[in-house]
PDB file of N, CA and C in Angstrom:
ATOM      1  N   UNK A   1      -9.356 -13.279 -10.529  1.00  0.00           N
ATOM      2  CA  UNK A   1      -9.893 -12.117  -9.695  1.00  0.00           C
ATOM      3  C   UNK A   1     -11.136 -11.388 -11.220  1.00  0.00           C
ATOM      4  N   UNK A   2     -11.715 -11.059  -9.939  1.00  0.00           N
ATOM      5  CA  UNK A   2     -12.863 -10.027 -10.302  1.00  0.00           C
ATOM      6  C   UNK A   2     -13.330  -8.790 -10.248  1.00  0.00           C
ATOM      7  N   UNK A   3     -13.473  -7.560 -11.072  1.00  0.00           N
ATOM      8  CA  UNK A   3     -13.656  -6.303 -10.933  1.00  0.00           C
ATOM      9  C   UNK A   3     -14.874  -6.193  -9.813  1.00  0.00           C
ATOM     10  N   UNK A   4     -14.846  -5.265  -8.999  1.00  0.00           N
ATOM     11  CA  UNK A   4     -16.226  -5.218  -8.469  1.00  0.00           C
ATOM     12  C   UNK A   4     -16.434  -3.666  -8.260  1.00  0.00           C
ATOM     13  N   UNK A   5     -17.731  -3.581  -7.982  1.00  0.00           N
ATOM     14  CA  UNK A   5     -18.145  -2.088  -7.518  1.00  0.00           C
ATOM     15  C   UNK A   5     -19.406  -2.122  -6.495  1.00  0.00           C
ATOM     16  N   UNK A   6     -19.689  -0.974  -6.476  1.00  0.00           N
ATOM     17  CA  UNK A   6     -20.905  -1.147  -5.117  1.00  0.00           C
ATOM     18  C   UNK A   6     -21.666   0.237  -5.481  1.00  0.00           C
ATOM     19  N   UNK A   7     -22.825  -0.137  -5.704  1.00  0.00           N
ATOM     20  CA  UNK A   7     -23.979   0.646  -6.395  1.00  0.00           C
ATOM     21  C   UNK A   7     -23.798   1.997  -4.936  1.00  0.00           C
ATOM     22  N   UNK A   8     -23.996   3.160  -6.073  1.00  0.00           N
ATOM     23  CA  UNK A   8     -24.222   4.376  -5.305  1.00  0.00           C
ATOM     24  C   UNK A   8     -25.327   4.762  -4.796  1.00  0.00           C
ATOM     25  N   UNK A   9     -26.306   3.890  -5.383  1.00  0.00           N
ATOM     26  CA  UNK A   9     -28.074   4.489  -4.594  1.00  0.00           C
ATOM     27  C   UNK A   9     -28.299   3.033  -4.020  1.00  0.00           C
ATOM     28  N   UNK A  10     -28.774   3.297  -2.452  1.00  0.00           N
ATOM     29  CA  UNK A  10     -28.701   2.332  -1.666  1.00  0.00           C
ATOM     30  C   UNK A  10     -30.400   1.425  -1.766  1.00  0.00           C
ATOM     31  N   UNK A  11     -30.569   0.403  -1.709  1.00  0.00           N
ATOM     32  CA  UNK A  11     -31.629  -0.358  -1.556  1.00  0.00           C
ATOM     33  C   UNK A  11     -32.711   0.173  -1.257  1.00  0.00           C
ATOM     34  N   UNK A  12     -33.841  -0.178  -0.967  1.00  0.00           N
ATOM     35  CA  UNK A  12     -35.319   0.171  -0.480  1.00  0.00           C
ATOM     36  C   UNK A  12     -35.153  -0.061   1.331  1.00  0.00           C
ATOM     37  N   UNK A  13     -33.980  -0.937   1.625  1.00  0.00           N
ATOM     38  CA  UNK A  13     -34.084  -1.536   2.895  1.00  0.00           C
ATOM     39  C   UNK A  13     -32.630  -0.798   3.638  1.00  0.00           C
ATOM     40  N   UNK A  14     -31.967   0.312   2.685  1.00  0.00           N
ATOM     41  CA  UNK A  14     -31.064   1.241   3.181  1.00  0.00           C
ATOM     42  C   UNK A  14     -29.551   0.580   2.951  1.00  0.00           C
ATOM     43  N   UNK A  15     -29.205  -0.644   2.401  1.00  0.00           N
ATOM     44  CA  UNK A  15     -27.571  -1.327   2.350  1.00  0.00           C
ATOM     45  C   UNK A  15     -27.249  -1.152   0.636  1.00  0.00           C
ATOM     46  N   UNK A  16     -25.963  -0.707   0.096  1.00  0.00           N
ATOM     47  CA  UNK A  16     -25.220  -0.081  -1.200  1.00  0.00           C
ATOM     48  C   UNK A  16     -24.908  -1.810  -1.451  1.00  0.00           C
ATOM     49  N   UNK A  17     -25.246  -2.440  -2.607  1.00  0.00           N
ATOM     50  CA  UNK A  17     -24.943  -3.248  -2.786  1.00  0.00           C
ATOM     51  C   UNK A  17     -23.759  -3.720  -3.653  1.00  0.00           C
ATOM     52  N   UNK A  18     -22.656  -4.731  -3.180  1.00  0.00           N
ATOM     53  CA  UNK A  18     -21.593  -4.948  -3.938  1.00  0.00           C
ATOM     54  C   UNK A  18     -22.083  -5.687  -5.042  1.00  0.00           C
ATOM     55  N   UNK A  19     -21.314  -5.352  -6.107  1.00  0.00           N
ATOM     56  CA  UNK A  19     -21.641  -6.758  -7.327  1.00  0.00           C
ATOM     57  C   UNK A  19     -20.206  -6.816  -7.941  1.00  0.00           C
ATOM     58  N   UNK A  20     -20.281  -7.697  -9.390  1.00  0.00           N
ATOM     59  CA  UNK A  20     -18.865  -8.490  -9.490  1.00  0.00           C
ATOM     60  C   UNK A  20     -19.154  -7.715 -10.778  1.00  0.00           C
ATOM     61  N   UNK A  21     -18.317  -7.234 -11.474  1.00  0.00           N
ATOM     62  CA  UNK A  21     -18.551  -6.493 -13.214  1.00  0.00           C
ATOM     63  C   UNK A  21     -19.490  -7.303 -14.148  1.00  0.00           C
ATOM     64  N   UNK A  22     -19.159  -8.965 -14.103  1.00  0.00           N
ATOM     65  CA  UNK A  22     -20.423  -9.988 -14.755  1.00  0.00           C
ATOM     66  C   UNK A  22     -21.429  -9.424 -13.984  1.00  0.00           C
ATOM     67  N   UNK A  23     -22.407  -9.360 -13.240  1.00  0.00           N
ATOM     68  CA  UNK A  23     -22.962  -9.567 -12.835  1.00  0.00           C
ATOM     69  C   UNK A  23     -24.443  -8.568 -13.681  1.00  0.00           C
ATOM     70  N   UNK A  24     -25.865  -9.684 -13.559  1.00  0.00           N
ATOM     71  CA  UNK A  24     -26.998  -9.361 -14.306  1.00  0.00           C
ATOM     72  C   UNK A  24     -27.110  -7.724 -13.843  1.00  0.00           C
ATOM     73  N   UNK A  25     -27.573  -7.733 -12.652  1.00  0.00           N
ATOM     74  CA  UNK A  25     -27.864  -6.576 -11.734  1.00  0.00           C
ATOM     75  C   UNK A  25     -26.774  -5.607 -11.645  1.00  0.00           C
ATOM     76  N   UNK A  26     -25.310  -5.526 -12.234  1.00  0.00           N
ATOM     77  CA  UNK A  26     -24.818  -4.220 -12.303  1.00  0.00           C
ATOM     78  C   UNK A  26     -25.308  -2.827 -12.796  1.00  0.00           C
ATOM     79  N   UNK A  27     -25.127  -2.358 -11.784  1.00  0.00           N
ATOM     80  CA  UNK A  27     -25.742  -0.553 -12.045  1.00  0.00           C
ATOM     81  C   UNK A  27     -25.240  -0.303 -13.047  1.00  0.00           C
ATOM     82  N   UNK A  28     -26.026   0.830 -13.961  1.00  0.00           N
ATOM     83  CA  UNK A  28     -25.584   1.543 -14.642  1.00  0.00           C
ATOM     84  C   UNK A  28     -24.184   2.465 -14.086  1.00  0.00           C
ATOM     85  N   UNK A  29     -23.281   2.567 -15.376  1.00  0.00           N
ATOM     86  CA  UNK A  29     -21.795   3.491 -14.813  1.00  0.00           C
ATOM     87  C   UNK A  29     -21.742   4.521 -14.189  1.00  0.00           C
ATOM     88  N   UNK A  30     -22.739   5.780 -14.249  1.00  0.00           N
ATOM     89  CA  UNK A  30     -23.194   6.406 -13.476  1.00  0.00           C
ATOM     90  C   UNK A  30     -23.749   6.462 -11.944  1.00  0.00           C
ATOM     91  N   UNK A  31     -24.335   4.961 -11.852  1.00  0.00           N
ATOM     92  CA  UNK A  31     -24.365   4.618 -10.429  1.00  0.00           C
ATOM     93  C   UNK A  31     -23.853   3.710  -9.415  1.00  0.00           C
ATOM     94  N   UNK A  32     -22.186   3.936 -10.136  1.00  0.00           N
ATOM     95  CA  UNK A  32     -21.311   2.881  -9.504  1.00  0.00           C
ATOM     96  C   UNK A  32     -20.078   3.542  -8.955  1.00  0.00           C
ATOM     97  N   UNK A  33     -19.364   2.527  -8.103  1.00  0.00           N
ATOM     98  CA  UNK A  33     -17.877   3.777  -8.053  1.00  0.00           C
ATOM     99  C   UNK A  33     -17.033   1.840  -7.939  1.00  0.00           C
ATOM    100  N   UNK A  34     -16.249   1.957  -8.488  1.00  0.00           N
ATOM    101  CA  UNK A  34     -14.961   1.190  -9.235  1.00  0.00           C
ATOM    102  C   UNK A  34     -14.671   0.919  -7.276  1.00  0.00           C
ATOM    103  N   UNK A  35     -14.348  -0.701  -6.836  1.00  0.00           N
ATOM    104  CA  UNK A  35     -13.808  -1.178  -5.265  1.00  0.00           C
ATOM    105  C   UNK A  35     -12.488  -1.807  -5.985  1.00  0.00           C
ATOM    106  N   UNK A  36     -12.692  -2.323  -7.355  1.00  0.00           N
ATOM    107  CA  UNK A  36     -10.655  -2.666  -7.559  1.00  0.00           C
ATOM    108  C   UNK A  36     -10.972  -4.113  -7.889  1.00  0.00           C
ATOM    109  N   UNK A  37      -9.760  -5.203  -8.154  1.00  0.00           N
ATOM    110  CA  UNK A  37     -10.212  -5.991  -8.403  1.00  0.00           C
ATOM    111  C   UNK A  37      -9.577  -6.935  -7.368  1.00  0.00           C
ATOM    112  N   UNK A  38     -10.732  -8.130  -6.726  1.00  0.00           N
ATOM    113  CA  UNK A  38     -10.517  -8.815  -5.826  1.00  0.00           C
ATOM    114  C   UNK A  38     -10.937 -10.511  -6.272  1.00  0.00           C
ATOM    115  N   UNK A  39     -10.358 -11.628  -4.983  1.00  0.00           N
ATOM    116  CA  UNK A  39     -10.608 -13.051  -5.102  1.00  0.00           C
ATOM    117  C   UNK A  39     -12.292 -13.379  -5.237  1.00  0.00           C
ATOM    118  N   UNK A  40     -12.658 -12.454  -4.166  1.00  0.00           N
ATOM    119  CA  UNK A  40     -13.985 -13.029  -3.180  1.00  0.00           C
ATOM    120  C   UNK A  40     -14.361 -11.538  -2.914  1.00  0.00           C
ATOM    121  N   UNK A  41     -15.851 -12.110  -2.949  1.00  0.00           N
ATOM    122  CA  UNK A  41     -16.158 -10.543  -2.448  1.00  0.00           C
ATOM    123  C   UNK A  41     -16.388 -10.141  -1.052  1.00  0.00           C
ATOM    124  N   UNK A  42     -15.644 -10.967   0.049  1.00  0.00           N
ATOM    125  CA  UNK A  42     -15.091 -10.168   1.219  1.00  0.00           C
ATOM    126  C   UNK A  42     -14.365  -8.771   1.321  1.00  0.00           C
ATOM    127  N   UNK A  43     -13.259  -8.700   0.658  1.00  0.00           N
ATOM    128  CA  UNK A  43     -12.519  -7.659   0.367  1.00  0.00           C
ATOM    129  C   UNK A  43     -13.315  -6.475  -0.130  1.00  0.00           C
ATOM    130  N   UNK A  44     -14.198  -6.909  -1.180  1.00  0.00           N
ATOM    131  CA  UNK A  44     -15.088  -5.683  -1.993  1.00  0.00           C
ATOM    132  C   UNK A  44     -15.723  -4.977  -1.055  1.00  0.00           C
ATOM    133  N   UNK A  45     -16.721  -5.862   0.219  1.00  0.00           N
ATOM    134  CA  UNK A  45     -17.182  -5.456   0.497  1.00  0.00           C
ATOM    135  C   UNK A  45     -16.659  -4.696   1.790  1.00  0.00           C
ATOM    136  N   UNK A  46     -15.409  -4.886   2.149  1.00  0.00           N
ATOM    137  CA  UNK A  46     -14.551  -4.114   2.696  1.00  0.00           C
ATOM    138  C   UNK A  46     -14.420  -2.926   2.110  1.00  0.00           C
ATOM    139  N   UNK A  47     -13.778  -2.893   1.096  1.00  0.00           N
ATOM    140  CA  UNK A  47     -13.362  -1.612   0.415  1.00  0.00           C
ATOM    141  C   UNK A  47     -14.660  -0.623   0.443  1.00  0.00           C
ATOM    142  N   UNK A  48     -16.012  -1.050  -0.143  1.00  0.00           N
ATOM    143  CA  UNK A  48     -17.063  -0.583  -0.227  1.00  0.00           C
ATOM    144  C   UNK A  48     -17.151   0.068   1.431  1.00  0.00           C
ATOM    145  N   UNK A  49     -17.032  -0.229   2.665  1.00  0.00           N
ATOM    146  CA  UNK A  49     -17.577   0.495   3.902  1.00  0.00           C
ATOM    147  C   UNK A  49     -16.225   1.607   4.047  1.00  0.00           C
ATOM    148  N   UNK A  50     -15.224   2.009   3.152  1.00  0.00           N
ATOM    149  CA  UNK A  50     -14.859   2.842   3.024  1.00  0.00           C
ATOM    150  C   UNK A  50     -15.674   4.141   2.669  1.00  0.00           C
ATOM    151  N   UNK A  51     -16.331   3.999   1.421  1.00  0.00           N
ATOM    152  CA  UNK A  51     -17.626   4.987   1.420  1.00  0.00           C
ATOM    153  C   UNK A  51     -19.114   4.581   1.791  1.00  0.00           C
ATOM    154  N   UNK A  52     -19.598   3.950   2.201  1.00  0.00           N
ATOM    155  CA  UNK A  52     -20.942   3.732   2.926  1.00  0.00           C
ATOM    156  C   UNK A  52     -21.103   2.989   4.094  1.00  0.00           C
ATOM    157  N   UNK A  53     -21.612   3.349   5.504  1.00  0.00           N
ATOM    158  CA  UNK A  53     -21.464   2.138   6.103  1.00  0.00           C
ATOM    159  C   UNK A  53     -22.348   1.043   6.140  1.00  0.00           C
ATOM    160  N   UNK A  54     -23.585   1.154   5.592  1.00  0.00           N
ATOM    161  CA  UNK A  54     -24.244   0.188   5.419  1.00  0.00           C
ATOM    162  C   UNK A  54     -24.186  -0.547   3.673  1.00  0.00           C
ATOM    163  N   UNK A  55     -23.218  -1.917   3.858  1.00  0.00           N
ATOM    164  CA  UNK A  55     -22.889  -2.631   2.512  1.00  0.00           C
ATOM    165  C   UNK A  55     -23.581  -3.414   2.814  1.00  0.00           C
ATOM    166  N   UNK A  56     -24.287  -4.514   1.398  1.00  0.00           N
ATOM    167  CA  UNK A  56     -24.104  -5.823   1.511  1.00  0.00           C
ATOM    168  C   UNK A  56     -24.015  -6.124  -0.109  1.00  0.00           C
ATOM    169  N   UNK A  57     -23.607  -7.602  -0.293  1.00  0.00           N
ATOM    170  CA  UNK A  57     -23.331  -8.367  -1.584  1.00  0.00           C
ATOM    171  C   UNK A  57     -24.281  -8.815  -2.040  1.00  0.00           C
ATOM    172  N   UNK A  58     -24.507  -8.355  -3.439  1.00  0.00           N
ATOM    173  CA  UNK A  58     -25.284  -8.900  -4.111  1.00  0.00           C
ATOM    174  C   UNK A  58     -25.571 -10.027  -4.085  1.00  0.00           C
ATOM    175  N   UNK A  59     -27.110 -10.239  -3.801  1.00  0.00           N
ATOM    176  CA  UNK A  59     -27.388 -11.898  -4.103  1.00  0.00           C
ATOM    177  C   UNK A  59     -27.168 -12.506  -4.992  1.00  0.00           C
ATOM    178  N   UNK A  60     -27.444 -12.249  -6.618  1.00  0.00           N
ATOM    179  CA  UNK A  60     -26.694 -12.538  -7.597  1.00  0.00           C
ATOM    180  C   UNK A  60     -25.824 -13.278  -7.711  1.00  0.00           C
ATOM    181  N   UNK A  61     -24.603 -12.303  -7.192  1.00  0.00           N
ATOM    182  CA  UNK A  61     -23.377 -12.528  -7.895  1.00  0.00           C
ATOM    183  C   UNK A  61     -22.300 -12.213  -6.731  1.00  0.00           C
ATOM    184  N   UNK A  62     -22.504 -12.104  -5.255  1.00  0.00           N
ATOM    185  CA  UNK A  62     -21.610 -11.822  -4.599  1.00  0.00           C
ATOM    186  C   UNK A  62     -22.432 -12.207  -3.315  1.00  0.00           C
ATOM    187  N   UNK A  63     -23.412 -13.871  -3.296  1.00  0.00           N
ATOM    188  CA  UNK A  63     -24.529 -14.556  -2.535  1.00  0.00           C
ATOM    189  C   UNK A  63     -22.979 -14.795  -1.271  1.00  0.00           C
ATOM    190  N   UNK A  64     -21.859 -15.131  -0.965  1.00  0.00           N
ATOM    191  CA  UNK A  64     -21.579 -15.107   0.117  1.00  0.00           C
ATOM    192  C   UNK A  64     -21.478 -14.330   1.074  1.00  0.00           C
ATOM    193  N   UNK A  65     -21.147 -12.899   0.604  1.00  0.00           N
ATOM    194  CA  UNK A  65     -21.669 -11.609   1.661  1.00  0.00           C
ATOM    195  C   UNK A  65     -23.253 -11.179   1.493  1.00  0.00           C
ATOM    196  N   UNK A  66     -24.063 -11.892   0.908  1.00  0.00           N
ATOM    197  CA  UNK A  66     -25.420 -11.401   0.778  1.00  0.00           C
ATOM    198  C   UNK A  66     -26.018 -11.771   2.201  1.00  0.00           C
ATOM    199  N   UNK A  67     -25.803 -10.667   3.114  1.00  0.00           N
ATOM    200  CA  UNK A  67     -26.726 -10.928   4.123  1.00  0.00           C
ATOM    201  C   UNK A  67     -28.220 -10.575   4.809  1.00  0.00           C
ATOM    202  N   UNK A  68     -28.795  -9.739   3.599  1.00  0.00           N
ATOM    203  CA  UNK A  68     -30.244  -9.120   4.232  1.00  0.00           C
ATOM    204  C   UNK A  68     -31.468 -10.232   3.188  1.00  0.00           C
TER     205      UNK A  68
END
């Protein structure tokens, strides 16, 4: 299982990205919300939608959930 976070700051295209804790693009602690421990990015993205409507997986660490 991996720890997942969502970026509080939206990308220029409007979505909030979901990252694994080990991601090279993980936002600073003050700019992220801990989502929980998950086996894949799909449940992490679902959890992130409790905070933000427009959510996407990070291209680098959550590629199966990256849609844009």
